[in-house]
């Protein structure tokens, strides 16, 4: 998985100002994309996705804290929660804010009713 992310980063790096890895659903996937960015000398923002009914768990079922702890070793530009329902994102944000020094949260909504 690291090789695939590395290829994507290397192909795009000359043409972009930075990277945002979005909708990352597991600790292994987070480590892979962060490793690829580190190997290529690129800074990156990490967008994690959490369960809609439990914002303290990634969609893989793993604790959000495990992903935040793993990400800390890579010093990403930011960590965000995306592609999660408001309730899950808010819970994830509250959990992350307690254990991560700079946490940004946003919720993407395609349709407002």
N, C-alpha and C. Protein backbone atom coordinates (compact mmCIF):
# COMPACT_ATOMS: atom_id res chain seq x y z
N UNK A 1 0.82 -1.19 0.00
CA UNK A 1 0.00 0.00 0.00
C UNK A 1 0.86 1.26 0.00
N UNK A 2 2.00 1.22 0.68
CA UNK A 2 2.89 2.38 0.70
C UNK A 2 3.37 2.70 -0.72
N UNK A 3 3.72 1.66 -1.48
CA UNK A 3 4.21 1.87 -2.85
C UNK A 3 3.17 2.55 -3.73
N UNK A 4 1.91 2.17 -3.57
CA UNK A 4 0.85 2.78 -4.37
C UNK A 4 0.69 4.26 -4.02
N UNK A 5 0.67 4.56 -2.73
CA UNK A 5 0.57 5.96 -2.31
C UNK A 5 1.80 6.75 -2.75
N UNK A 6 2.95 6.14 -2.65
CA UNK A 6 4.19 6.82 -3.06
C UNK A 6 4.15 7.16 -4.55
N UNK A 7 3.65 6.24 -5.36
CA UNK A 7 3.55 6.50 -6.80
C UNK A 7 2.61 7.69 -7.07
N UNK A 8 1.47 7.72 -6.39
CA UNK A 8 0.53 8.83 -6.57
C UNK A 8 1.15 10.16 -6.16
N UNK A 9 1.85 10.15 -5.04
CA UNK A 9 2.49 11.39 -4.56
C UNK A 9 3.57 11.84 -5.53
N UNK A 10 4.41 10.92 -5.95
CA UNK A 10 5.51 11.27 -6.85
C UNK A 10 5.01 11.81 -8.19
N UNK A 11 3.92 11.26 -8.69
CA UNK A 11 3.36 11.73 -9.96
C UNK A 11 2.80 13.15 -9.85
N UNK A 12 2.22 13.47 -8.69
CA UNK A 12 1.54 14.75 -8.53
C UNK A 12 2.42 15.84 -7.94
N UNK A 13 3.44 15.48 -7.22
CA UNK A 13 4.23 16.44 -6.45
C UNK A 13 4.71 17.65 -7.25
N UNK A 14 5.17 17.50 -8.49
CA UNK A 14 5.64 18.68 -9.23
C UNK A 14 4.51 19.66 -9.60
N UNK A 15 3.27 19.23 -9.45
CA UNK A 15 2.15 20.02 -9.95
C UNK A 15 1.22 20.55 -8.86
N UNK A 16 1.50 20.27 -7.60
CA UNK A 16 0.60 20.67 -6.51
C UNK A 16 1.38 21.37 -5.40
N UNK A 17 0.64 22.12 -4.60
CA UNK A 17 1.25 22.81 -3.46
C UNK A 17 1.33 21.93 -2.22
N UNK A 18 0.48 20.93 -2.13
CA UNK A 18 0.47 20.08 -0.96
C UNK A 18 -0.49 18.92 -1.15
N UNK A 19 -0.60 18.11 -0.11
CA UNK A 19 -1.42 16.91 -0.19
C UNK A 19 -2.38 16.82 0.98
N UNK A 20 -3.55 16.26 0.68
CA UNK A 20 -4.56 15.93 1.68
C UNK A 20 -5.02 14.51 1.37
N UNK A 21 -4.75 13.60 2.26
CA UNK A 21 -5.24 12.23 2.12
C UNK A 21 -6.58 12.17 2.83
N UNK A 22 -7.66 11.96 2.08
CA UNK A 22 -9.00 12.02 2.65
C UNK A 22 -9.62 10.64 2.83
N UNK A 23 -10.53 10.58 3.78
CA UNK A 23 -11.38 9.41 4.01
C UNK A 23 -10.54 8.16 4.28
N UNK A 24 -9.56 8.32 5.13
CA UNK A 24 -8.69 7.21 5.54
C UNK A 24 -9.42 6.49 6.68
N UNK A 25 -9.67 5.19 6.49
CA UNK A 25 -10.58 4.46 7.38
C UNK A 25 -9.90 3.48 8.34
N UNK A 26 -8.57 3.34 8.27
CA UNK A 26 -7.90 2.39 9.16
C UNK A 26 -6.52 2.91 9.57
N UNK A 27 -6.01 2.35 10.64
CA UNK A 27 -4.68 2.72 11.12
C UNK A 27 -3.63 2.34 10.08
N UNK A 28 -3.73 1.15 9.51
CA UNK A 28 -2.75 0.72 8.50
C UNK A 28 -2.74 1.64 7.29
N UNK A 29 -3.91 2.04 6.84
CA UNK A 29 -3.99 2.95 5.69
C UNK A 29 -3.38 4.31 6.04
N UNK A 30 -3.65 4.79 7.25
CA UNK A 30 -3.07 6.07 7.69
C UNK A 30 -1.55 5.98 7.71
N UNK A 31 -1.02 4.91 8.28
CA UNK A 31 0.44 4.76 8.33
C UNK A 31 1.03 4.64 6.94
N UNK A 32 0.34 3.97 6.04
CA UNK A 32 0.85 3.80 4.67
C UNK A 32 0.93 5.14 3.95
N UNK A 33 -0.11 5.94 3.99
CA UNK A 33 -0.09 7.21 3.27
C UNK A 33 0.89 8.18 3.91
N UNK A 34 0.99 8.17 5.23
CA UNK A 34 1.95 9.05 5.90
C UNK A 34 3.39 8.61 5.63
N UNK A 35 3.63 7.30 5.57
CA UNK A 35 4.96 6.79 5.23
C UNK A 35 5.35 7.20 3.82
N UNK A 36 4.41 7.07 2.89
CA UNK A 36 4.68 7.44 1.50
C UNK A 36 5.03 8.92 1.39
N UNK A 37 4.28 9.76 2.09
CA UNK A 37 4.56 11.20 2.06
C UNK A 37 5.94 11.49 2.66
N UNK A 38 6.24 10.85 3.78
CA UNK A 38 7.53 11.06 4.42
C UNK A 38 8.68 10.62 3.51
N UNK A 39 8.54 9.47 2.87
CA UNK A 39 9.58 8.96 1.97
C UNK A 39 9.82 9.90 0.79
N UNK A 40 8.76 10.58 0.34
CA UNK A 40 8.90 11.46 -0.82
C UNK A 40 9.27 12.89 -0.41
N UNK A 41 9.38 13.14 0.89
CA UNK A 41 9.72 14.47 1.36
C UNK A 41 8.58 15.46 1.25
N UNK A 42 7.35 14.97 1.25
CA UNK A 42 6.16 15.81 1.12
C UNK A 42 5.44 15.93 2.45
N UNK A 43 4.94 17.13 2.73
CA UNK A 43 4.09 17.31 3.91
C UNK A 43 2.65 17.00 3.51
N UNK A 44 1.86 16.52 4.45
CA UNK A 44 0.52 16.05 4.12
C UNK A 44 -0.44 16.30 5.28
N UNK A 45 -1.68 16.54 4.95
CA UNK A 45 -2.78 16.58 5.92
C UNK A 45 -3.49 15.23 5.84
N UNK A 46 -3.91 14.72 6.96
CA UNK A 46 -4.55 13.41 7.03
C UNK A 46 -6.02 13.57 7.37
N UNK A 47 -6.89 13.07 6.52
CA UNK A 47 -8.33 13.10 6.76
C UNK A 47 -8.83 11.71 7.13
N UNK A 48 -9.22 11.54 8.37
CA UNK A 48 -9.73 10.25 8.85
C UNK A 48 -11.24 10.25 8.78
N UNK A 49 -11.83 9.09 8.61
CA UNK A 49 -13.28 8.97 8.65
C UNK A 49 -13.66 8.05 9.81
N UNK A 50 -14.67 8.47 10.57
CA UNK A 50 -15.10 7.74 11.76
C UNK A 50 -16.50 7.18 11.55
N UNK A 51 -16.86 6.25 12.40
CA UNK A 51 -18.18 5.64 12.33
C UNK A 51 -19.25 6.70 12.59
N UNK A 52 -20.36 6.58 11.91
CA UNK A 52 -21.42 7.57 12.06
C UNK A 52 -22.04 7.55 13.46
N UNK A 53 -22.06 6.38 14.10
CA UNK A 53 -22.68 6.28 15.42
C UNK A 53 -21.66 6.27 16.56
N UNK A 54 -20.37 6.28 16.24
CA UNK A 54 -19.32 6.28 17.27
C UNK A 54 -18.10 7.00 16.72
N UNK A 55 -18.04 8.30 16.95
CA UNK A 55 -16.96 9.11 16.42
C UNK A 55 -15.62 8.87 17.06
N UNK A 56 -15.55 7.97 18.02
CA UNK A 56 -14.28 7.62 18.64
C UNK A 56 -13.67 6.37 18.00
N UNK A 57 -14.30 5.87 16.94
CA UNK A 57 -13.82 4.70 16.22
C UNK A 57 -13.74 4.99 14.73
N UNK A 58 -12.65 4.56 14.12
CA UNK A 58 -12.53 4.65 12.67
C UNK A 58 -13.56 3.70 12.04
N UNK A 59 -13.80 3.86 10.76
CA UNK A 59 -14.74 2.97 10.08
C UNK A 59 -14.26 1.51 10.09
N UNK A 60 -12.98 1.29 10.29
CA UNK A 60 -12.44 -0.07 10.42
C UNK A 60 -12.80 -0.69 11.76
N UNK A 61 -13.31 0.13 12.69
CA UNK A 61 -13.61 -0.35 14.04
C UNK A 61 -12.50 -0.07 15.03
N UNK A 62 -11.35 0.35 14.55
CA UNK A 62 -10.21 0.64 15.43
C UNK A 62 -10.45 1.97 16.16
N UNK A 63 -9.91 2.10 17.37
CA UNK A 63 -10.05 3.36 18.09
C UNK A 63 -9.39 4.52 17.36
N UNK A 64 -10.06 5.66 17.33
CA UNK A 64 -9.50 6.87 16.73
C UNK A 64 -8.17 7.20 17.39
N UNK A 65 -8.07 7.00 18.68
CA UNK A 65 -6.83 7.29 19.42
C UNK A 65 -5.64 6.54 18.83
N UNK A 66 -5.85 5.30 18.38
CA UNK A 66 -4.75 4.53 17.79
C UNK A 66 -4.23 5.19 16.52
N UNK A 67 -5.13 5.71 15.71
CA UNK A 67 -4.72 6.40 14.49
C UNK A 67 -3.99 7.69 14.82
N UNK A 68 -4.48 8.44 15.80
CA UNK A 68 -3.83 9.69 16.19
C UNK A 68 -2.44 9.43 16.76
N UNK A 69 -2.32 8.39 17.57
CA UNK A 69 -1.01 8.03 18.13
C UNK A 69 -0.04 7.62 17.01
N UNK A 70 -0.52 6.82 16.06
CA UNK A 70 0.34 6.40 14.95
C UNK A 70 0.75 7.59 14.10
N UNK A 71 -0.18 8.51 13.86
CA UNK A 71 0.10 9.67 13.01
C UNK A 71 1.11 10.62 13.65
N UNK A 72 1.15 10.67 14.95
CA UNK A 72 2.02 11.61 15.66
C UNK A 72 3.49 11.42 15.25
N UNK A 73 3.88 10.20 14.97
CA UNK A 73 5.27 9.92 14.59
C UNK A 73 5.64 10.56 13.25
N UNK A 74 4.66 10.90 12.44
CA UNK A 74 4.90 11.45 11.11
C UNK A 74 4.74 12.97 11.06
N UNK A 75 4.24 13.57 12.11
CA UNK A 75 4.06 15.02 12.19
C UNK A 75 3.33 15.60 10.97
N UNK A 76 2.09 15.14 10.71
CA UNK A 76 1.35 15.69 9.58
C UNK A 76 1.03 17.16 9.80
N UNK A 77 0.74 17.87 8.71
CA UNK A 77 0.37 19.28 8.82
C UNK A 77 -0.88 19.46 9.64
N UNK A 78 -1.83 18.55 9.49
CA UNK A 78 -3.09 18.60 10.23
C UNK A 78 -3.74 17.24 10.15
N UNK A 79 -4.66 17.01 11.05
CA UNK A 79 -5.51 15.83 11.00
C UNK A 79 -6.95 16.33 11.05
N UNK A 80 -7.76 15.83 10.13
CA UNK A 80 -9.16 16.24 10.06
C UNK A 80 -10.05 15.01 10.07
N UNK A 81 -11.31 15.23 10.39
CA UNK A 81 -12.33 14.20 10.27
C UNK A 81 -13.18 14.60 9.07
N UNK A 82 -13.37 13.69 8.11
CA UNK A 82 -14.21 14.01 6.97
C UNK A 82 -15.06 12.81 6.60
N UNK A 83 -16.05 13.08 5.77
CA UNK A 83 -16.97 12.05 5.28
C UNK A 83 -17.57 11.24 6.41
N UNK A 84 -18.00 11.95 7.45
CA UNK A 84 -18.65 11.34 8.60
C UNK A 84 -19.85 12.19 8.96
N UNK A 85 -20.90 11.54 9.45
CA UNK A 85 -22.08 12.30 9.87
C UNK A 85 -21.72 13.21 11.03
N UNK A 86 -22.48 14.25 11.20
CA UNK A 86 -22.17 15.27 12.20
C UNK A 86 -21.96 14.69 13.59
N UNK A 87 -22.85 13.82 14.04
CA UNK A 87 -22.74 13.28 15.39
C UNK A 87 -21.43 12.52 15.58
N UNK A 88 -21.08 11.67 14.63
CA UNK A 88 -19.83 10.93 14.72
C UNK A 88 -18.63 11.85 14.65
N UNK A 89 -18.67 12.84 13.74
CA UNK A 89 -17.56 13.78 13.61
C UNK A 89 -17.36 14.61 14.85
N UNK A 90 -18.45 15.04 15.47
CA UNK A 90 -18.34 15.83 16.69
C UNK A 90 -17.73 15.02 17.82
N UNK A 91 -18.15 13.77 17.95
CA UNK A 91 -17.59 12.91 19.00
C UNK A 91 -16.11 12.66 18.72
N UNK A 92 -15.78 12.42 17.45
CA UNK A 92 -14.38 12.21 17.09
C UNK A 92 -13.55 13.44 17.36
N UNK A 93 -14.10 14.60 17.07
CA UNK A 93 -13.41 15.86 17.30
C UNK A 93 -13.12 16.05 18.79
N UNK A 94 -14.13 15.81 19.61
CA UNK A 94 -13.95 15.97 21.06
C UNK A 94 -12.90 15.01 21.58
N UNK A 95 -12.92 13.78 21.10
CA UNK A 95 -11.94 12.78 21.51
C UNK A 95 -10.54 13.19 21.07
N UNK A 96 -10.42 13.60 19.83
CA UNK A 96 -9.11 13.96 19.28
C UNK A 96 -8.55 15.22 19.94
N UNK A 97 -9.42 16.17 20.23
CA UNK A 97 -8.95 17.43 20.81
C UNK A 97 -8.26 17.19 22.15
N UNK A 98 -8.65 16.15 22.84
CA UNK A 98 -8.04 15.85 24.14
C UNK A 98 -6.63 15.30 24.00
N UNK A 99 -6.33 14.66 22.86
CA UNK A 99 -5.05 13.97 22.76
C UNK A 99 -4.20 14.42 21.59
N UNK A 100 -4.62 15.37 20.81
CA UNK A 100 -3.85 15.82 19.67
C UNK A 100 -3.65 17.31 19.74
N UNK A 101 -2.44 17.80 19.53
CA UNK A 101 -2.12 19.21 19.75
C UNK A 101 -2.81 20.17 18.78
N UNK A 102 -2.96 19.80 17.51
CA UNK A 102 -3.66 20.68 16.58
C UNK A 102 -4.60 19.85 15.73
N UNK A 103 -5.86 19.92 16.02
CA UNK A 103 -6.84 19.08 15.35
C UNK A 103 -7.85 19.96 14.65
N UNK A 104 -8.05 19.71 13.38
CA UNK A 104 -9.06 20.44 12.62
C UNK A 104 -10.16 19.46 12.28
N UNK A 105 -11.37 19.95 12.35
CA UNK A 105 -12.50 19.09 12.04
C UNK A 105 -13.37 19.77 11.00
N UNK A 106 -13.77 19.06 10.04
CA UNK A 106 -14.80 19.57 9.15
C UNK A 106 -15.71 18.43 8.72
N UNK A 107 -16.93 18.78 8.41
CA UNK A 107 -17.91 17.79 7.99
C UNK A 107 -18.39 18.20 6.60
N UNK A 108 -18.24 17.33 5.66
CA UNK A 108 -18.68 17.64 4.31
C UNK A 108 -20.13 17.20 4.14
N UNK A 109 -20.94 18.13 3.67
CA UNK A 109 -22.34 17.81 3.39
C UNK A 109 -22.63 18.13 1.94
N UNK A 110 -23.09 17.15 1.24
CA UNK A 110 -23.42 17.37 -0.16
C UNK A 110 -24.81 17.98 -0.32
N UNK A 111 -25.69 17.61 0.57
CA UNK A 111 -27.06 18.10 0.48
C UNK A 111 -27.53 18.61 1.83
N UNK A 112 -28.01 19.80 1.86
CA UNK A 112 -28.61 20.36 3.08
C UNK A 112 -30.11 20.33 2.91
N UNK A 113 -30.81 19.91 3.89
CA UNK A 113 -32.28 19.86 3.82
C UNK A 113 -32.87 20.74 4.88
